[in-house]
Amino acid sequence: MNNILTMLVRWLNNYFTISEEEMNELEFVSKIAFNKANTNFQHSDNKYFRGGYNSLHSVMNMIFLYYLSNELFKRNICPGLCDKVYYLNKIMHSVDLFYAIELPQVFSAEHPLGAVMGRAKYSDGFFFYQGCTVGGTKDKTGCIYYPEIEENCHMYANSSILGKCHIGKNVNIGAGTIVKNQDVPDNCTVFGQSPNLIIKKK
């Protein structure tokens, strides 16, 4: 754990200034994030995850940094530190996993460059590839709607889930698919673009 903290501080100091108070908070919260990340990895069928956290594996490191920024945000002991860790994750892995969103305990990704995971209700088994987007849509009154995503949703490359959507369990969102303000039932694979989605039962 000390090696992980030392490495983390070096990364952060490359871009930001870390105070002594922030150092103490990092030391405490990194243990929580490390345990959450390892619990996540234990549920993965990725052979590289079986040995536990490896800072040189970009997806594992991305997951750890997300949990770290999220825990720092919830504790709010050192305001601004969660921003630094969130920004570090963007710099290192080219993803946008905002610290205020609640990704589930069990989620993962594969070469997720350019992915943006916005506000939504996420469930365990969520998985995404490169260029994926989850986000909201706004109606004529200015009300913003966000997706609800059930267990075991897999988003393939450059797919999007936007707005007032309920995505059922065990759903694959095909490469390049755009689901917008449209529900998708359980146990299916989806192609195309809303409102003309092609939905195939598994």
C-alpha atoms as a PDB file:
ATOM      1  CA  MET A   1       0.000   0.000   0.000  1.00  0.00           C
ATOM      2  CA  ASN A   2       2.886   2.394   0.740  1.00  0.00           C
ATOM      3  CA  ASN A   3       4.250   1.890  -2.783  1.00  0.00           C
ATOM      4  CA  ILE A   4       0.843   2.699  -4.275  1.00  0.00           C
ATOM      5  CA  LEU A   5       0.570   5.883  -2.200  1.00  0.00           C
ATOM      6  CA  THR A   6       4.107   6.977  -3.147  1.00  0.00           C
ATOM      7  CA  MET A   7       3.369   6.442  -6.830  1.00  0.00           C
ATOM      8  CA  LEU A   8       0.037   8.277  -6.553  1.00  0.00           C
ATOM      9  CA  VAL A   9       1.636  11.307  -4.912  1.00  0.00           C
ATOM     10  CA  ARG A  10       4.309  11.445  -7.628  1.00  0.00           C
ATOM     11  CA  TRP A  11       1.657  11.406 -10.334  1.00  0.00           C
ATOM     12  CA  LEU A  12      -0.337  14.167  -8.656  1.00  0.00           C
ATOM     13  CA  ASN A  13       2.734  16.300  -8.006  1.00  0.00           C
ATOM     14  CA  ASN A  14       3.557  16.180 -11.718  1.00  0.00           C
ATOM     15  CA  TYR A  15       0.486  18.331 -12.390  1.00  0.00           C
ATOM     16  CA  PHE A  16      -0.685  19.856  -9.118  1.00  0.00           C
ATOM     17  CA  THR A  17       0.472  20.975  -5.699  1.00  0.00           C
ATOM     18  CA  ILE A  18      -0.368  18.551  -2.874  1.00  0.00           C
ATOM     19  CA  SER A  19      -0.508  19.979   0.658  1.00  0.00           C
ATOM     20  CA  GLU A  20       0.334  18.074   3.829  1.00  0.00           C
ATOM     21  CA  GLU A  21      -3.359  17.928   4.727  1.00  0.00           C
ATOM     22  CA  GLU A  22      -4.136  16.470   1.292  1.00  0.00           C
ATOM     23  CA  MET A  23      -1.320  13.932   1.750  1.00  0.00           C
ATOM     24  CA  ASN A  24      -2.908  12.731   4.978  1.00  0.00           C
ATOM     25  CA  GLU A  25      -6.317  12.482   3.354  1.00  0.00           C
ATOM     26  CA  LEU A  26      -4.862  10.558   0.400  1.00  0.00           C
ATOM     27  CA  GLU A  27      -3.190   8.115   2.755  1.00  0.00           C
ATOM     28  CA  PHE A  28      -6.499   7.388   4.476  1.00  0.00           C
ATOM     29  CA  VAL A  29      -8.810   7.311   1.458  1.00  0.00           C
ATOM     30  CA  SER A  30      -6.458   5.403  -0.857  1.00  0.00           C
ATOM     31  CA  LYS A  31      -6.862   2.357   1.421  1.00  0.00           C
ATOM     32  CA  ILE A  32     -10.643   2.503   1.013  1.00  0.00           C
ATOM     33  CA  ALA A  33     -10.354   2.933  -2.768  1.00  0.00           C
ATOM     34  CA  PHE A  34      -7.775   0.129  -2.987  1.00  0.00           C
ATOM     35  CA  ASN A  35     -10.121  -2.292  -1.199  1.00  0.00           C
ATOM     36  CA  LYS A  36     -13.074  -1.299  -3.403  1.00  0.00           C
ATOM     37  CA  ALA A  37     -10.962  -1.741  -6.534  1.00  0.00           C
ATOM     38  CA  ASN A  38      -9.742  -5.188  -5.476  1.00  0.00           C
ATOM     39  CA  THR A  39     -13.325  -6.263  -4.713  1.00  0.00           C
ATOM     40  CA  ASN A  40     -14.204  -5.122  -8.235  1.00  0.00           C
ATOM     41  CA  PHE A  41     -11.296  -7.074  -9.759  1.00  0.00           C
ATOM     42  CA  GLN A  42     -12.325 -10.280  -7.963  1.00  0.00           C
ATOM     43  CA  HIS A  43     -15.594 -10.266  -9.940  1.00  0.00           C
ATOM     44  CA  SER A  44     -13.846  -9.896 -13.306  1.00  0.00           C
ATOM     45  CA  ASP A  45     -13.211 -12.724 -15.752  1.00  0.00           C
ATOM     46  CA  ASN A  46     -10.278 -10.746 -17.202  1.00  0.00           C
ATOM     47  CA  LYS A  47      -7.185 -12.925 -16.670  1.00  0.00           C
ATOM     48  CA  TYR A  48      -5.035  -9.849 -16.005  1.00  0.00           C
ATOM     49  CA  PHE A  49      -7.181  -8.913 -12.996  1.00  0.00           C
ATOM     50  CA  ARG A  50      -6.627 -12.161 -11.105  1.00  0.00           C
ATOM     51  CA  GLY A  51      -3.406 -11.038  -9.470  1.00  0.00           C
ATOM     52  CA  GLY A  52      -4.964  -7.911  -7.963  1.00  0.00           C
ATOM     53  CA  TYR A  53      -4.184  -4.250  -8.569  1.00  0.00           C
ATOM     54  CA  ASN A  54      -1.454  -3.489 -11.084  1.00  0.00           C
ATOM     55  CA  SER A  55      -0.757   0.206 -11.629  1.00  0.00           C
ATOM     56  CA  LEU A  56       0.659  -0.559 -15.093  1.00  0.00           C
ATOM     57  CA  HIS A  57      -2.661  -2.000 -16.256  1.00  0.00           C
ATOM     58  CA  SER A  58      -4.541   1.074 -17.451  1.00  0.00           C
ATOM     59  CA  VAL A  59      -8.088  -0.202 -16.853  1.00  0.00           C
ATOM     60  CA  MET A  60      -7.258  -1.344 -13.315  1.00  0.00           C
ATOM     61  CA  ASN A  61      -5.635   1.999 -12.610  1.00  0.00           C
ATOM     62  CA  MET A  62      -8.584   3.866 -14.107  1.00  0.00           C
ATOM     63  CA  ILE A  63     -10.976   1.990 -11.793  1.00  0.00           C
ATOM     64  CA  PHE A  64      -8.809   2.662  -8.735  1.00  0.00           C
ATOM     65  CA  LEU A  65      -8.569   6.387  -9.507  1.00  0.00           C
ATOM     66  CA  TYR A  66     -12.333   6.607 -10.040  1.00  0.00           C
ATOM     67  CA  TYR A  67     -13.028   5.026  -6.643  1.00  0.00           C
ATOM     68  CA  LEU A  68     -10.426   7.299  -5.057  1.00  0.00           C
ATOM     69  CA  SER A  69     -11.950  10.496  -6.503  1.00  0.00           C
ATOM     70  CA  ASN A  70     -15.468   9.313  -5.585  1.00  0.00           C
ATOM     71  CA  GLU A  71     -14.521   8.565  -1.959  1.00  0.00           C
ATOM     72  CA  LEU A  72     -12.690  11.900  -1.642  1.00  0.00           C
ATOM     73  CA  PHE A  73     -15.778  13.670  -2.987  1.00  0.00           C
ATOM     74  CA  LYS A  74     -18.104  11.947  -0.514  1.00  0.00           C
ATOM     75  CA  ARG A  75     -15.853  12.666   2.472  1.00  0.00           C
ATOM     76  CA  ASN A  76     -15.219  16.294   1.398  1.00  0.00           C
ATOM     77  CA  ILE A  77     -12.403  16.757   3.933  1.00  0.00           C
ATOM     78  CA  CYS A  78     -10.068  18.396   1.415  1.00  0.00           C
ATOM     79  CA  PRO A  79     -12.246  20.206  -1.153  1.00  0.00           C
ATOM     80  CA  GLY A  80     -10.532  20.205  -4.525  1.00  0.00           C
ATOM     81  CA  LEU A  81      -8.535  17.017  -3.993  1.00  0.00           C
ATOM     82  CA  CYS A  82     -11.232  14.953  -5.707  1.00  0.00           C
ATOM     83  CA  ASP A  83     -10.906  17.311  -8.701  1.00  0.00           C
ATOM     84  CA  LYS A  84      -7.175  16.647  -8.877  1.00  0.00           C
ATOM     85  CA  VAL A  85      -7.612  12.869  -8.834  1.00  0.00           C
ATOM     86  CA  TYR A  86     -10.477  13.053 -11.349  1.00  0.00           C
ATOM     87  CA  TYR A  87      -8.358  15.219 -13.641  1.00  0.00           C
ATOM     88  CA  LEU A  88      -5.388  12.853 -13.210  1.00  0.00           C
ATOM     89  CA  ASN A  89      -7.607   9.998 -14.395  1.00  0.00           C
ATOM     90  CA  LYS A  90      -8.566  12.031 -17.489  1.00  0.00           C
ATOM     91  CA  ILE A  91      -4.929  12.837 -18.224  1.00  0.00           C
ATOM     92  CA  MET A  92      -3.649   9.285 -17.793  1.00  0.00           C
ATOM     93  CA  HIS A  93      -6.478   7.276 -19.347  1.00  0.00           C
ATOM     94  CA  SER A  94      -8.446   9.661 -21.600  1.00  0.00           C
ATOM     95  CA  VAL A  95     -11.721   8.908 -19.833  1.00  0.00           C
ATOM     96  CA  ASP A  96     -14.267  11.119 -18.104  1.00  0.00           C
ATOM     97  CA  LEU A  97     -15.489   9.362 -14.945  1.00  0.00           C
ATOM     98  CA  PHE A  98     -16.759  12.268 -12.870  1.00  0.00           C
ATOM     99  CA  TYR A  99     -16.331  11.788  -9.137  1.00  0.00           C
ATOM    100  CA  ALA A 100     -19.964  12.726  -8.367  1.00  0.00           C
ATOM    101  CA  ILE A 101     -21.451   9.904 -10.457  1.00  0.00           C
ATOM    102  CA  GLU A 102     -22.064   6.567  -8.748  1.00  0.00           C
ATOM    103  CA  LEU A 103     -20.611   3.774 -10.830  1.00  0.00           C
ATOM    104  CA  PRO A 104     -21.427   0.352  -9.335  1.00  0.00           C
ATOM    105  CA  GLN A 105     -19.201  -1.879  -7.241  1.00  0.00           C
ATOM    106  CA  VAL A 106     -18.773  -4.221 -10.196  1.00  0.00           C
ATOM    107  CA  PHE A 107     -17.973  -2.467 -13.485  1.00  0.00           C
ATOM    108  CA  SER A 108     -15.172  -2.637 -16.003  1.00  0.00           C
ATOM    109  CA  ALA A 109     -13.982  -1.597 -19.452  1.00  0.00           C
ATOM    110  CA  GLU A 110     -11.731  -2.571 -22.334  1.00  0.00           C
ATOM    111  CA  HIS A 111      -9.421   0.027 -23.965  1.00  0.00           C
ATOM    112  CA  PRO A 112     -11.927   2.741 -22.924  1.00  0.00           C
ATOM    113  CA  LEU A 113     -10.245   5.763 -24.550  1.00  0.00           C
ATOM    114  CA  GLY A 114     -12.644   8.641 -25.130  1.00  0.00           C
ATOM    115  CA  ALA A 115     -15.418   7.232 -22.935  1.00  0.00           C
ATOM    116  CA  VAL A 116     -17.643   9.643 -20.997  1.00  0.00           C
ATOM    117  CA  MET A 117     -19.764   8.188 -18.193  1.00  0.00           C
ATOM    118  CA  GLY A 118     -22.219  10.873 -17.110  1.00  0.00           C
ATOM    119  CA  ARG A 119     -25.042  10.967 -14.619  1.00  0.00           C
ATOM    120  CA  ALA A 120     -27.208   7.852 -14.675  1.00  0.00           C
ATOM    121  CA  LYS A 121     -28.341   5.005 -12.456  1.00  0.00           C
ATOM    122  CA  TYR A 122     -25.774   2.255 -13.047  1.00  0.00           C
ATOM    123  CA  SER A 123     -25.979  -1.384 -11.947  1.00  0.00           C
ATOM    124  CA  ASP A 124     -23.442  -4.161 -11.413  1.00  0.00           C
ATOM    125  CA  GLY A 125     -21.919  -5.793 -14.466  1.00  0.00           C
ATOM    126  CA  PHE A 126     -21.725  -2.523 -16.429  1.00  0.00           C
ATOM    127  CA  PHE A 127     -19.010  -2.693 -19.119  1.00  0.00           C
ATOM    128  CA  PHE A 128     -17.917  -0.228 -21.794  1.00  0.00           C
ATOM    129  CA  TYR A 129     -15.479   0.074 -24.684  1.00  0.00           C
ATOM    130  CA  GLN A 130     -13.848   3.037 -26.437  1.00  0.00           C
ATOM    131  CA  GLY A 131     -15.812   6.144 -27.338  1.00  0.00           C
ATOM    132  CA  CYS A 132     -18.905   5.274 -25.293  1.00  0.00           C
ATOM    133  CA  THR A 133     -21.138   7.977 -23.817  1.00  0.00           C
ATOM    134  CA  VAL A 134     -23.799   7.969 -21.109  1.00  0.00           C
ATOM    135  CA  GLY A 135     -25.555  11.276 -20.484  1.00  0.00           C
ATOM    136  CA  GLY A 136     -28.706  13.329 -20.200  1.00  0.00           C
ATOM    137  CA  THR A 137     -31.147  15.059 -22.506  1.00  0.00           C
ATOM    138  CA  LYS A 138     -33.198  18.186 -21.851  1.00  0.00           C
ATOM    139  CA  ASP A 139     -36.860  18.639 -22.761  1.00  0.00           C
ATOM    140  CA  LYS A 140     -38.578  21.855 -23.893  1.00  0.00           C
ATOM    141  CA  THR A 141     -39.238  22.900 -20.291  1.00  0.00           C
ATOM    142  CA  GLY A 142     -35.570  22.587 -19.377  1.00  0.00           C
ATOM    143  CA  CYS A 143     -36.008  19.381 -17.374  1.00  0.00           C
ATOM    144  CA  ILE A 144     -33.007  17.030 -17.712  1.00  0.00           C
ATOM    145  CA  TYR A 145     -33.443  13.250 -17.871  1.00  0.00           C
ATOM    146  CA  TYR A 146     -30.818  10.578 -17.278  1.00  0.00           C
ATOM    147  CA  PRO A 147     -30.735   6.842 -18.080  1.00  0.00           C
ATOM    148  CA  GLU A 148     -31.443   3.960 -15.730  1.00  0.00           C
ATOM    149  CA  ILE A 149     -29.236   0.998 -16.572  1.00  0.00           C
ATOM    150  CA  GLU A 150     -29.918  -2.465 -15.125  1.00  0.00           C
ATOM    151  CA  GLU A 151     -27.436  -5.293 -14.485  1.00  0.00           C
ATOM    152  CA  ASN A 152     -24.987  -6.595 -17.081  1.00  0.00           C
ATOM    153  CA  CYS A 153     -25.249  -3.879 -19.701  1.00  0.00           C
ATOM    154  CA  HIS A 154     -22.367  -3.958 -22.183  1.00  0.00           C
ATOM    155  CA  MET A 155     -21.716  -0.909 -24.351  1.00  0.00           C
ATOM    156  CA  TYR A 156     -19.643  -1.600 -27.448  1.00  0.00           C
ATOM    157  CA  ALA A 157     -17.413   0.906 -29.247  1.00  0.00           C
ATOM    158  CA  ASN A 158     -18.814   4.405 -29.907  1.00  0.00           C
ATOM    159  CA  SER A 159     -22.279   3.617 -28.551  1.00  0.00           C
ATOM    160  CA  SER A 160     -24.381   6.054 -26.506  1.00  0.00           C
ATOM    161  CA  ILE A 161     -27.200   5.903 -23.967  1.00  0.00           C
ATOM    162  CA  LEU A 162     -28.830   9.302 -23.606  1.00  0.00           C
ATOM    163  CA  GLY A 163     -31.750  10.763 -21.724  1.00  0.00           C
ATOM    164  CA  LYS A 164     -34.943   9.155 -20.489  1.00  0.00           C
ATOM    165  CA  CYS A 165     -34.024   5.509 -21.067  1.00  0.00           C
ATOM    166  CA  HIS A 166     -34.557   2.350 -19.072  1.00  0.00           C
ATOM    167  CA  ILE A 167     -32.049  -0.266 -20.190  1.00  0.00           C
ATOM    168  CA  GLY A 168     -33.050  -3.765 -19.094  1.00  0.00           C
ATOM    169  CA  LYS A 169     -30.907  -6.557 -17.712  1.00  0.00           C
ATOM    170  CA  ASN A 170     -28.376  -8.412 -19.871  1.00  0.00           C
ATOM    171  CA  VAL A 171     -28.404  -5.918 -22.752  1.00  0.00           C
ATOM    172  CA  ASN A 172     -25.694  -5.408 -25.375  1.00  0.00           C
ATOM    173  CA  ILE A 173     -25.593  -1.966 -26.995  1.00  0.00           C
ATOM    174  CA  GLY A 174     -24.026  -2.580 -30.410  1.00  0.00           C
ATOM    175  CA  ALA A 175     -21.102  -0.604 -31.806  1.00  0.00           C
ATOM    176  CA  GLY A 176     -22.167   2.852 -32.994  1.00  0.00           C
ATOM    177  CA  THR A 177     -25.667   2.511 -31.549  1.00  0.00           C
ATOM    178  CA  ILE A 178     -27.425   5.584 -30.129  1.00  0.00           C
ATOM    179  CA  VAL A 179     -30.211   4.929 -27.628  1.00  0.00           C
ATOM    180  CA  LYS A 180     -31.974   8.223 -26.893  1.00  0.00           C
ATOM    181  CA  ASN A 181     -35.124   8.661 -24.790  1.00  0.00           C
ATOM    182  CA  GLN A 182     -36.128   5.071 -25.511  1.00  0.00           C
ATOM    183  CA  ASP A 183     -36.473   1.963 -23.307  1.00  0.00           C
ATOM    184  CA  VAL A 184     -34.778  -1.341 -24.085  1.00  0.00           C
ATOM    185  CA  PRO A 185     -36.148  -4.653 -22.703  1.00  0.00           C
ATOM    186  CA  ASP A 186     -34.185  -7.362 -20.888  1.00  0.00           C
ATOM    187  CA  ASN A 187     -32.014  -9.947 -22.631  1.00  0.00           C
ATOM    188  CA  CYS A 188     -31.432  -8.355 -26.021  1.00  0.00           C
ATOM    189  CA  THR A 189     -28.900  -6.823 -28.370  1.00  0.00           C
ATOM    190  CA  VAL A 190     -29.601  -3.357 -29.799  1.00  0.00           C
ATOM    191  CA  PHE A 191     -28.413  -1.789 -33.080  1.00  0.00           C
ATOM    192  CA  GLY A 192     -29.043   1.468 -34.938  1.00  0.00           C
ATOM    193  CA  GLN A 193     -30.228   4.846 -33.709  1.00  0.00           C
ATOM    194  CA  SER A 194     -33.337   5.984 -31.841  1.00  0.00           C
ATOM    195  CA  PRO A 195     -36.169   6.153 -32.664  1.00  0.00           C
ATOM    196  CA  ASN A 196     -35.417   3.398 -35.205  1.00  0.00           C
ATOM    197  CA  LEU A 197     -33.609   0.877 -33.031  1.00  0.00           C
ATOM    198  CA  ILE A 198     -33.281  -2.739 -34.094  1.00  0.00           C
ATOM    199  CA  ILE A 199     -33.826  -4.875 -30.982  1.00  0.00           C
ATOM    200  CA  LYS A 200     -32.970  -8.581 -31.176  1.00  0.00           C
ATOM    201  CA  LYS A 201     -33.732 -10.981 -28.349  1.00  0.00           C
ATOM    202  CA  LYS A 202     -30.787 -13.076 -27.242  1.00  0.00           C
END
